[in-house]
Amino acid sequence: MLGGTLIVTRKISRHQDFVNEYTALGFPNVMITSLDKDALYFLIDDLKPNLILMDAMLYKAGTPYMMRVLLKHKKFNFKNLNIAVFVVDEYPADLGMMFIANGAKSFLDINDGNENFREGQIKIRAGENYISPSAKKKIDLRDELPAPVRILTKRHQEVLMLACCGFDRDEIADCLEVINRTVDSHKTEIYRSLNTDNSTGLLKVSLEIGLFTLDDLVFFGNKFEVKPKVSRGKTTKKSKKNKKAA
């Protein structure tokens, strides 16, 4: 199916309905999948679709970030993918704007009404871009689109893991041997990348996009004390004083 239409959604019970709908509208060579992450990337590389119709709920609130990960993938050349995101559930309009900011060409939202949704489908089928009225309103209220989110680095993910385990800023700084200001900077970038503004949302989105699982987390209270490591064969100043006192 080189050059056709690929629908990506986890709504498996509706797969045939989606295929029938978009085929009836004239979308060419419609195929559908519920794959995600690496399996999805390999499928896209194999099929090379002209259009990807991505369900906004694929990774729930983390879908804008994961779409950016897809477009910026280091192994595959996906930067020119034509992605149209569609909403057939309730979904925040602010995140609709973030899809466009992160590289989606079009955004369809059933919550703007069936007529607008169908208009968008027809325009996309004709090769045009389309942004739903609610998302466009959010965009028009700004002087410019938000900058695309930053892909989380290994250090970002270390900070994220510790934060989700209940470590406060001082404890994270001690564990990673950085200053508090660096922790704050990393956390600000993490919150922005994952489109959330609180620790509960941070944990929720991290689990939804599979950065880690609940089994990976060990929860600590704020009185967690980081013990300094002492290499074998070396004696700390404190231990020398204790020996003298003895």
C-alpha atoms as a PDB file:
ATOM      1  CA  MET A   1       0.000   0.000   0.000  1.00  0.00           C
ATOM      2  CA  LEU A   2       2.617   2.556  -0.931  1.00  0.00           C
ATOM      3  CA  GLY A   3       1.282   6.090  -0.937  1.00  0.00           C
ATOM      4  CA  GLY A   4      -2.175   5.451   0.527  1.00  0.00           C
ATOM      5  CA  THR A   5      -3.993   6.537   3.697  1.00  0.00           C
ATOM      6  CA  LEU A   6      -3.072   5.118   7.110  1.00  0.00           C
ATOM      7  CA  ILE A   7      -5.486   5.529  10.030  1.00  0.00           C
ATOM      8  CA  VAL A   8      -3.896   5.104  13.466  1.00  0.00           C
ATOM      9  CA  THR A   9      -6.288   4.455  16.348  1.00  0.00           C
ATOM     10  CA  ARG A  10      -6.717   2.080  19.263  1.00  0.00           C
ATOM     11  CA  LYS A  11     -10.494   2.002  18.811  1.00  0.00           C
ATOM     12  CA  ILE A  12     -10.304  -1.538  17.454  1.00  0.00           C
ATOM     13  CA  SER A  13     -14.060  -2.110  17.610  1.00  0.00           C
ATOM     14  CA  ARG A  14     -14.499   0.788  15.156  1.00  0.00           C
ATOM     15  CA  HIS A  15     -11.707  -0.100  12.738  1.00  0.00           C
ATOM     16  CA  GLN A  16     -13.981  -1.340   9.974  1.00  0.00           C
ATOM     17  CA  ASP A  17     -16.284   1.664  10.397  1.00  0.00           C
ATOM     18  CA  PHE A  18     -13.348   4.038   9.954  1.00  0.00           C
ATOM     19  CA  VAL A  19     -12.110   2.203   6.881  1.00  0.00           C
ATOM     20  CA  ASN A  20     -15.580   2.218   5.332  1.00  0.00           C
ATOM     21  CA  GLU A  21     -16.129   5.895   6.102  1.00  0.00           C
ATOM     22  CA  TYR A  22     -12.869   7.173   4.635  1.00  0.00           C
ATOM     23  CA  THR A  23     -13.035   4.849   1.646  1.00  0.00           C
ATOM     24  CA  ALA A  24     -16.559   6.133   0.873  1.00  0.00           C
ATOM     25  CA  LEU A  25     -15.231   9.704   1.058  1.00  0.00           C
ATOM     26  CA  GLY A  26     -12.671   8.914  -1.618  1.00  0.00           C
ATOM     27  CA  PHE A  27      -9.506   8.550   0.442  1.00  0.00           C
ATOM     28  CA  PRO A  28      -7.169   6.232  -1.498  1.00  0.00           C
ATOM     29  CA  ASN A  29      -5.980   2.807  -0.296  1.00  0.00           C
ATOM     30  CA  VAL A  30      -7.237   3.119   3.278  1.00  0.00           C
ATOM     31  CA  MET A  31      -5.463   0.950   5.849  1.00  0.00           C
ATOM     32  CA  ILE A  32      -5.845   1.020   9.635  1.00  0.00           C
ATOM     33  CA  THR A  33      -3.645   0.018  12.571  1.00  0.00           C
ATOM     34  CA  SER A  34      -3.606   0.142  16.368  1.00  0.00           C
ATOM     35  CA  LEU A  35       0.191  -0.095  16.585  1.00  0.00           C
ATOM     36  CA  ASP A  36       2.186   2.531  18.453  1.00  0.00           C
ATOM     37  CA  LYS A  37       5.779   3.570  19.094  1.00  0.00           C
ATOM     38  CA  ASP A  38       8.486   1.499  17.363  1.00  0.00           C
ATOM     39  CA  ALA A  39       6.042  -0.914  15.734  1.00  0.00           C
ATOM     40  CA  LEU A  40       4.160   2.042  14.252  1.00  0.00           C
ATOM     41  CA  TYR A  41       7.373   3.695  13.063  1.00  0.00           C
ATOM     42  CA  PHE A  42       8.442   0.572  11.186  1.00  0.00           C
ATOM     43  CA  LEU A  43       4.993   0.233   9.636  1.00  0.00           C
ATOM     44  CA  ILE A  44       5.031   3.845   8.432  1.00  0.00           C
ATOM     45  CA  ASP A  45       8.509   3.386   7.009  1.00  0.00           C
ATOM     46  CA  ASP A  46       7.341   0.259   5.189  1.00  0.00           C
ATOM     47  CA  LEU A  47       4.051   1.648   3.839  1.00  0.00           C
ATOM     48  CA  LYS A  48       5.169   5.246   3.202  1.00  0.00           C
ATOM     49  CA  PRO A  49       1.600   6.613   3.301  1.00  0.00           C
ATOM     50  CA  ASN A  50       0.767   9.958   1.711  1.00  0.00           C
ATOM     51  CA  LEU A  51      -1.542  10.728   4.623  1.00  0.00           C
ATOM     52  CA  ILE A  52      -1.678   9.606   8.253  1.00  0.00           C
ATOM     53  CA  LEU A  53      -4.967  10.088  10.089  1.00  0.00           C
ATOM     54  CA  MET A  54      -3.999   9.933  13.767  1.00  0.00           C
ATOM     55  CA  ASP A  55      -6.517   9.563  16.590  1.00  0.00           C
ATOM     56  CA  ALA A  56      -5.888  12.303  19.175  1.00  0.00           C
ATOM     57  CA  MET A  57      -6.536   9.693  21.887  1.00  0.00           C
ATOM     58  CA  LEU A  58      -3.771   7.361  20.661  1.00  0.00           C
ATOM     59  CA  TYR A  59      -1.618   8.360  23.652  1.00  0.00           C
ATOM     60  CA  LYS A  60      -4.362  10.445  25.307  1.00  0.00           C
ATOM     61  CA  ALA A  61      -2.933  13.742  26.649  1.00  0.00           C
ATOM     62  CA  GLY A  62       0.539  12.661  25.540  1.00  0.00           C
ATOM     63  CA  THR A  63      -0.370  12.370  21.840  1.00  0.00           C
ATOM     64  CA  PRO A  64       0.945  15.843  20.820  1.00  0.00           C
ATOM     65  CA  TYR A  65       4.327  14.972  22.360  1.00  0.00           C
ATOM     66  CA  MET A  66       4.464  11.495  20.824  1.00  0.00           C
ATOM     67  CA  MET A  67       3.533  12.901  17.418  1.00  0.00           C
ATOM     68  CA  ARG A  68       6.527  15.221  17.733  1.00  0.00           C
ATOM     69  CA  VAL A  69       8.709  12.232  18.657  1.00  0.00           C
ATOM     70  CA  LEU A  70       7.510  10.530  15.475  1.00  0.00           C
ATOM     71  CA  LEU A  71       8.286  13.520  13.260  1.00  0.00           C
ATOM     72  CA  LYS A  72      11.738  14.010  14.819  1.00  0.00           C
ATOM     73  CA  HIS A  73      12.716  10.332  14.846  1.00  0.00           C
ATOM     74  CA  LYS A  74      16.474   9.960  14.363  1.00  0.00           C
ATOM     75  CA  LYS A  75      16.355   6.629  12.543  1.00  0.00           C
ATOM     76  CA  PHE A  76      13.549   7.399  10.070  1.00  0.00           C
ATOM     77  CA  ASN A  77      13.102  10.412   7.819  1.00  0.00           C
ATOM     78  CA  PHE A  78       9.585  11.358   8.907  1.00  0.00           C
ATOM     79  CA  LYS A  79       9.917  15.143   8.989  1.00  0.00           C
ATOM     80  CA  ASN A  80       7.715  15.621   5.888  1.00  0.00           C
ATOM     81  CA  LEU A  81       4.888  13.305   6.942  1.00  0.00           C
ATOM     82  CA  ASN A  82       1.414  14.632   6.262  1.00  0.00           C
ATOM     83  CA  ILE A  83      -0.408  14.047   9.559  1.00  0.00           C
ATOM     84  CA  ALA A  84      -4.051  14.955  10.151  1.00  0.00           C
ATOM     85  CA  VAL A  85      -5.179  14.479  13.747  1.00  0.00           C
ATOM     86  CA  PHE A  86      -8.837  13.675  14.373  1.00  0.00           C
ATOM     87  CA  VAL A  87     -10.962  13.860  17.530  1.00  0.00           C
ATOM     88  CA  VAL A  88     -14.061  11.707  17.927  1.00  0.00           C
ATOM     89  CA  ASP A  89     -14.150  11.966  21.747  1.00  0.00           C
ATOM     90  CA  GLU A  90     -13.912  14.889  24.131  1.00  0.00           C
ATOM     91  CA  TYR A  91     -10.464  16.460  23.902  1.00  0.00           C
ATOM     92  CA  PRO A  92      -9.070  19.811  25.178  1.00  0.00           C
ATOM     93  CA  ALA A  93      -9.005  22.527  22.491  1.00  0.00           C
ATOM     94  CA  ASP A  94      -5.648  23.748  23.843  1.00  0.00           C
ATOM     95  CA  LEU A  95      -4.112  20.421  22.891  1.00  0.00           C
ATOM     96  CA  GLY A  96      -5.636  20.758  19.430  1.00  0.00           C
ATOM     97  CA  MET A  97      -3.528  23.872  18.986  1.00  0.00           C
ATOM     98  CA  MET A  98      -0.467  21.960  20.207  1.00  0.00           C
ATOM     99  CA  PHE A  99      -0.857  19.370  17.450  1.00  0.00           C
ATOM    100  CA  ILE A 100      -0.499  22.117  14.862  1.00  0.00           C
ATOM    101  CA  ALA A 101       2.423  23.669  16.771  1.00  0.00           C
ATOM    102  CA  ASN A 102       4.167  20.269  16.829  1.00  0.00           C
ATOM    103  CA  GLY A 103       3.862  19.591  13.116  1.00  0.00           C
ATOM    104  CA  ALA A 104       0.389  18.244  12.257  1.00  0.00           C
ATOM    105  CA  LYS A 105      -0.883  19.673   8.972  1.00  0.00           C
ATOM    106  CA  SER A 106      -4.573  19.363   9.906  1.00  0.00           C
ATOM    107  CA  PHE A 107      -6.811  18.957  12.954  1.00  0.00           C
ATOM    108  CA  LEU A 108     -10.402  17.644  12.878  1.00  0.00           C
ATOM    109  CA  ASP A 109     -12.690  17.812  15.916  1.00  0.00           C
ATOM    110  CA  ILE A 110     -16.157  16.213  15.989  1.00  0.00           C
ATOM    111  CA  ASN A 111     -17.000  18.497  18.929  1.00  0.00           C
ATOM    112  CA  ASP A 112     -17.162  21.397  16.448  1.00  0.00           C
ATOM    113  CA  GLY A 113     -20.112  19.680  14.771  1.00  0.00           C
ATOM    114  CA  ASN A 114     -20.615  17.112  12.038  1.00  0.00           C
ATOM    115  CA  GLU A 115     -20.673  19.723   9.261  1.00  0.00           C
ATOM    116  CA  ASN A 116     -17.280  21.153  10.201  1.00  0.00           C
ATOM    117  CA  PHE A 117     -15.853  17.658  10.614  1.00  0.00           C
ATOM    118  CA  ARG A 118     -17.059  16.600   7.166  1.00  0.00           C
ATOM    119  CA  GLU A 119     -15.801  19.850   5.624  1.00  0.00           C
ATOM    120  CA  GLY A 120     -12.376  19.108   7.071  1.00  0.00           C
ATOM    121  CA  GLN A 121     -12.410  15.544   5.747  1.00  0.00           C
ATOM    122  CA  ILE A 122     -13.249  16.745   2.230  1.00  0.00           C
ATOM    123  CA  LYS A 123     -10.524  19.399   2.283  1.00  0.00           C
ATOM    124  CA  ILE A 124      -7.923  16.926   3.530  1.00  0.00           C
ATOM    125  CA  ARG A 125      -8.939  14.400   0.869  1.00  0.00           C
ATOM    126  CA  ALA A 126      -8.393  17.170  -1.721  1.00  0.00           C
ATOM    127  CA  GLY A 127      -4.852  17.751  -0.423  1.00  0.00           C
ATOM    128  CA  GLU A 128      -5.636  20.901   1.555  1.00  0.00           C
ATOM    129  CA  ASN A 129      -4.895  21.587   5.213  1.00  0.00           C
ATOM    130  CA  TYR A 130      -7.711  22.114   7.696  1.00  0.00           C
ATOM    131  CA  ILE A 131      -7.902  23.307  11.315  1.00  0.00           C
ATOM    132  CA  SER A 132     -11.135  22.912  13.280  1.00  0.00           C
ATOM    133  CA  PRO A 133     -12.857  26.164  14.418  1.00  0.00           C
ATOM    134  CA  SER A 134     -12.171  25.603  18.137  1.00  0.00           C
ATOM    135  CA  ALA A 135      -8.447  24.989  17.605  1.00  0.00           C
ATOM    136  CA  LYS A 136      -8.221  27.862  15.115  1.00  0.00           C
ATOM    137  CA  LYS A 137      -9.830  30.178  17.650  1.00  0.00           C
ATOM    138  CA  LYS A 138      -7.143  29.254  20.191  1.00  0.00           C
ATOM    139  CA  ILE A 139      -4.442  29.900  17.595  1.00  0.00           C
ATOM    140  CA  ASP A 140      -5.938  33.240  16.499  1.00  0.00           C
ATOM    141  CA  LEU A 141      -5.922  34.500  20.096  1.00  0.00           C
ATOM    142  CA  ARG A 142      -2.114  34.304  20.075  1.00  0.00           C
ATOM    143  CA  ASP A 143       0.414  36.449  18.278  1.00  0.00           C
ATOM    144  CA  GLU A 144       2.133  33.271  17.115  1.00  0.00           C
ATOM    145  CA  LEU A 145       1.986  29.524  17.561  1.00  0.00           C
ATOM    146  CA  PRO A 146       3.724  28.036  20.614  1.00  0.00           C
ATOM    147  CA  ALA A 147       7.174  26.677  19.831  1.00  0.00           C
ATOM    148  CA  PRO A 148       7.292  22.910  19.164  1.00  0.00           C
ATOM    149  CA  VAL A 149       7.913  20.890  22.302  1.00  0.00           C
ATOM    150  CA  ARG A 150      11.391  19.641  23.069  1.00  0.00           C
ATOM    151  CA  ILE A 151      12.029  15.902  22.936  1.00  0.00           C
ATOM    152  CA  LEU A 152      12.947  14.762  26.440  1.00  0.00           C
ATOM    153  CA  THR A 153      16.625  13.952  26.928  1.00  0.00           C
ATOM    154  CA  LYS A 154      18.010  11.214  29.149  1.00  0.00           C
ATOM    155  CA  ARG A 155      18.575  13.800  31.912  1.00  0.00           C
ATOM    156  CA  HIS A 156      14.996  15.061  31.547  1.00  0.00           C
ATOM    157  CA  GLN A 157      13.763  11.495  32.013  1.00  0.00           C
ATOM    158  CA  GLU A 158      15.940  11.045  35.108  1.00  0.00           C
ATOM    159  CA  VAL A 159      14.424  14.183  36.644  1.00  0.00           C
ATOM    160  CA  LEU A 160      10.955  13.032  35.600  1.00  0.00           C
ATOM    161  CA  MET A 161      11.381   9.593  37.174  1.00  0.00           C
ATOM    162  CA  LEU A 162      12.597  11.044  40.481  1.00  0.00           C
ATOM    163  CA  ALA A 163       9.803  13.627  40.530  1.00  0.00           C
ATOM    164  CA  CYS A 164       7.203  10.919  39.916  1.00  0.00           C
ATOM    165  CA  CYS A 165       8.724   8.895  42.768  1.00  0.00           C
ATOM    166  CA  GLY A 166       7.989  11.790  45.122  1.00  0.00           C
ATOM    167  CA  PHE A 167      11.430  13.408  45.316  1.00  0.00           C
ATOM    168  CA  ASP A 168      11.357  17.165  45.897  1.00  0.00           C
ATOM    169  CA  ARG A 169      13.672  19.655  44.202  1.00  0.00           C
ATOM    170  CA  ASP A 170      16.456  19.416  46.812  1.00  0.00           C
ATOM    171  CA  GLU A 171      16.447  15.612  46.738  1.00  0.00           C
ATOM    172  CA  ILE A 172      16.539  15.521  42.934  1.00  0.00           C
ATOM    173  CA  ALA A 173      19.431  17.986  42.935  1.00  0.00           C
ATOM    174  CA  ASP A 174      21.327  15.837  45.459  1.00  0.00           C
ATOM    175  CA  CYS A 175      20.740  12.622  43.526  1.00  0.00           C
ATOM    176  CA  LEU A 176      21.839  14.085  40.197  1.00  0.00           C
ATOM    177  CA  GLU A 177      24.557  16.315  41.691  1.00  0.00           C
ATOM    178  CA  VAL A 178      23.224  19.492  40.118  1.00  0.00           C
ATOM    179  CA  ILE A 179      22.024  22.815  41.516  1.00  0.00           C
ATOM    180  CA  ASN A 180      18.358  23.487  42.296  1.00  0.00           C
ATOM    181  CA  ARG A 181      18.075  25.989  39.448  1.00  0.00           C
ATOM    182  CA  THR A 182      19.011  23.240  36.979  1.00  0.00           C
ATOM    183  CA  VAL A 183      16.297  20.970  38.388  1.00  0.00           C
ATOM    184  CA  ASP A 184      13.748  23.787  38.039  1.00  0.00           C
ATOM    185  CA  SER A 185      14.801  24.393  34.443  1.00  0.00           C
ATOM    186  CA  HIS A 186      14.472  20.692  33.569  1.00  0.00           C
ATOM    187  CA  LYS A 187      11.069  20.419  35.244  1.00  0.00           C
ATOM    188  CA  THR A 188       9.763  23.483  33.397  1.00  0.00           C
ATOM    189  CA  GLU A 189      10.793  21.917  30.087  1.00  0.00           C
ATOM    190  CA  ILE A 190       9.256  18.572  31.076  1.00  0.00           C
ATOM    191  CA  TYR A 191       5.924  20.143  32.020  1.00  0.00           C
ATOM    192  CA  ARG A 192       5.819  22.020  28.741  1.00  0.00           C
ATOM    193  CA  SER A 193       6.792  19.010  26.619  1.00  0.00           C
ATOM    194  CA  LEU A 194       4.132  16.807  28.216  1.00  0.00           C
ATOM    195  CA  ASN A 195       1.435  19.511  28.136  1.00  0.00           C
ATOM    196  CA  THR A 196       0.669  19.483  31.855  1.00  0.00           C
ATOM    197  CA  ASP A 197       1.131  21.865  34.769  1.00  0.00           C
ATOM    198  CA  ASN A 198       0.966  19.664  37.858  1.00  0.00           C
ATOM    199  CA  SER A 199       2.626  16.564  39.291  1.00  0.00           C
ATOM    200  CA  THR A 200      -0.496  14.403  39.003  1.00  0.00           C
ATOM    201  CA  GLY A 201      -0.782  15.206  35.308  1.00  0.00           C
ATOM    202  CA  LEU A 202       2.923  14.571  34.887  1.00  0.00           C
ATOM    203  CA  LEU A 203       2.621  11.048  36.288  1.00  0.00           C
ATOM    204  CA  LYS A 204      -0.537  10.358  34.270  1.00  0.00           C
ATOM    205  CA  VAL A 205       0.945  11.434  30.922  1.00  0.00           C
ATOM    206  CA  SER A 206       4.241   9.640  31.611  1.00  0.00           C
ATOM    207  CA  LEU A 207       2.364   6.378  32.143  1.00  0.00           C
ATOM    208  CA  GLU A 208       0.123   6.956  29.116  1.00  0.00           C
ATOM    209  CA  ILE A 209       3.040   7.379  26.721  1.00  0.00           C
ATOM    210  CA  GLY A 210       5.040   4.578  28.344  1.00  0.00           C
ATOM    211  CA  LEU A 211       8.057   6.474  29.626  1.00  0.00           C
ATOM    212  CA  PHE A 212       7.886   4.037  32.537  1.00  0.00           C
ATOM    213  CA  THR A 213       5.394   1.784  34.321  1.00  0.00           C
ATOM    214  CA  LEU A 214       4.072   1.834  37.884  1.00  0.00           C
ATOM    215  CA  ASP A 215       6.382  -1.099  38.640  1.00  0.00           C
ATOM    216  CA  ASP A 216       9.349   1.158  37.863  1.00  0.00           C
ATOM    217  CA  LEU A 217       8.369   3.653  40.556  1.00  0.00           C
ATOM    218  CA  VAL A 218       9.384   3.594  44.212  1.00  0.00           C
ATOM    219  CA  PHE A 219       7.608   6.263  46.229  1.00  0.00           C
ATOM    220  CA  PHE A 220       9.402   8.212  48.957  1.00  0.00           C
ATOM    221  CA  GLY A 221       8.245  10.923  51.327  1.00  0.00           C
ATOM    222  CA  ASN A 222       9.780  14.357  51.477  1.00  0.00           C
ATOM    223  CA  LYS A 223      12.062  13.307  54.340  1.00  0.00           C
ATOM    224  CA  PHE A 224      14.027  10.952  52.121  1.00  0.00           C
ATOM    225  CA  GLU A 225      17.714  11.420  52.913  1.00  0.00           C
ATOM    226  CA  VAL A 226      20.354  10.873  50.249  1.00  0.00           C
ATOM    227  CA  LYS A 227      23.392   9.201  51.824  1.00  0.00           C
ATOM    228  CA  PRO A 228      26.798  10.139  50.423  1.00  0.00           C
ATOM    229  CA  LYS A 229      28.710   7.297  48.809  1.00  0.00           C
ATOM    230  CA  VAL A 230      32.045   6.383  50.382  1.00  0.00           C
ATOM    231  CA  SER A 231      34.554   4.509  48.234  1.00  0.00           C
ATOM    232  CA  ARG A 232      36.307   1.489  49.711  1.00  0.00           C
ATOM    233  CA  GLY A 233      39.704   2.176  51.092  1.00  0.00           C
ATOM    234  CA  LYS A 234      38.950   5.823  51.732  1.00  0.00           C
ATOM    235  CA  THR A 235      38.089   7.421  55.044  1.00  0.00           C
ATOM    236  CA  THR A 236      35.887  10.504  55.357  1.00  0.00           C
ATOM    237  CA  LYS A 237      36.752  13.427  57.654  1.00  0.00           C
ATOM    238  CA  LYS A 238      33.742  12.548  59.783  1.00  0.00           C
ATOM    239  CA  SER A 239      34.893   8.953  60.272  1.00  0.00           C
ATOM    240  CA  LYS A 240      38.428  10.143  61.207  1.00  0.00           C
ATOM    241  CA  LYS A 241      36.962  12.359  63.952  1.00  0.00           C
ATOM    242  CA  ASN A 242      34.886   9.450  65.238  1.00  0.00           C
ATOM    243  CA  LYS A 243      38.000   7.269  65.402  1.00  0.00           C
ATOM    244  CA  LYS A 244      39.894   9.919  67.357  1.00  0.00           C
ATOM    245  CA  ALA A 245      36.999  10.322  69.749  1.00  0.00           C
ATOM    246  CA  ALA A 246      36.965   6.585  70.290  1.00  0.00           C
END
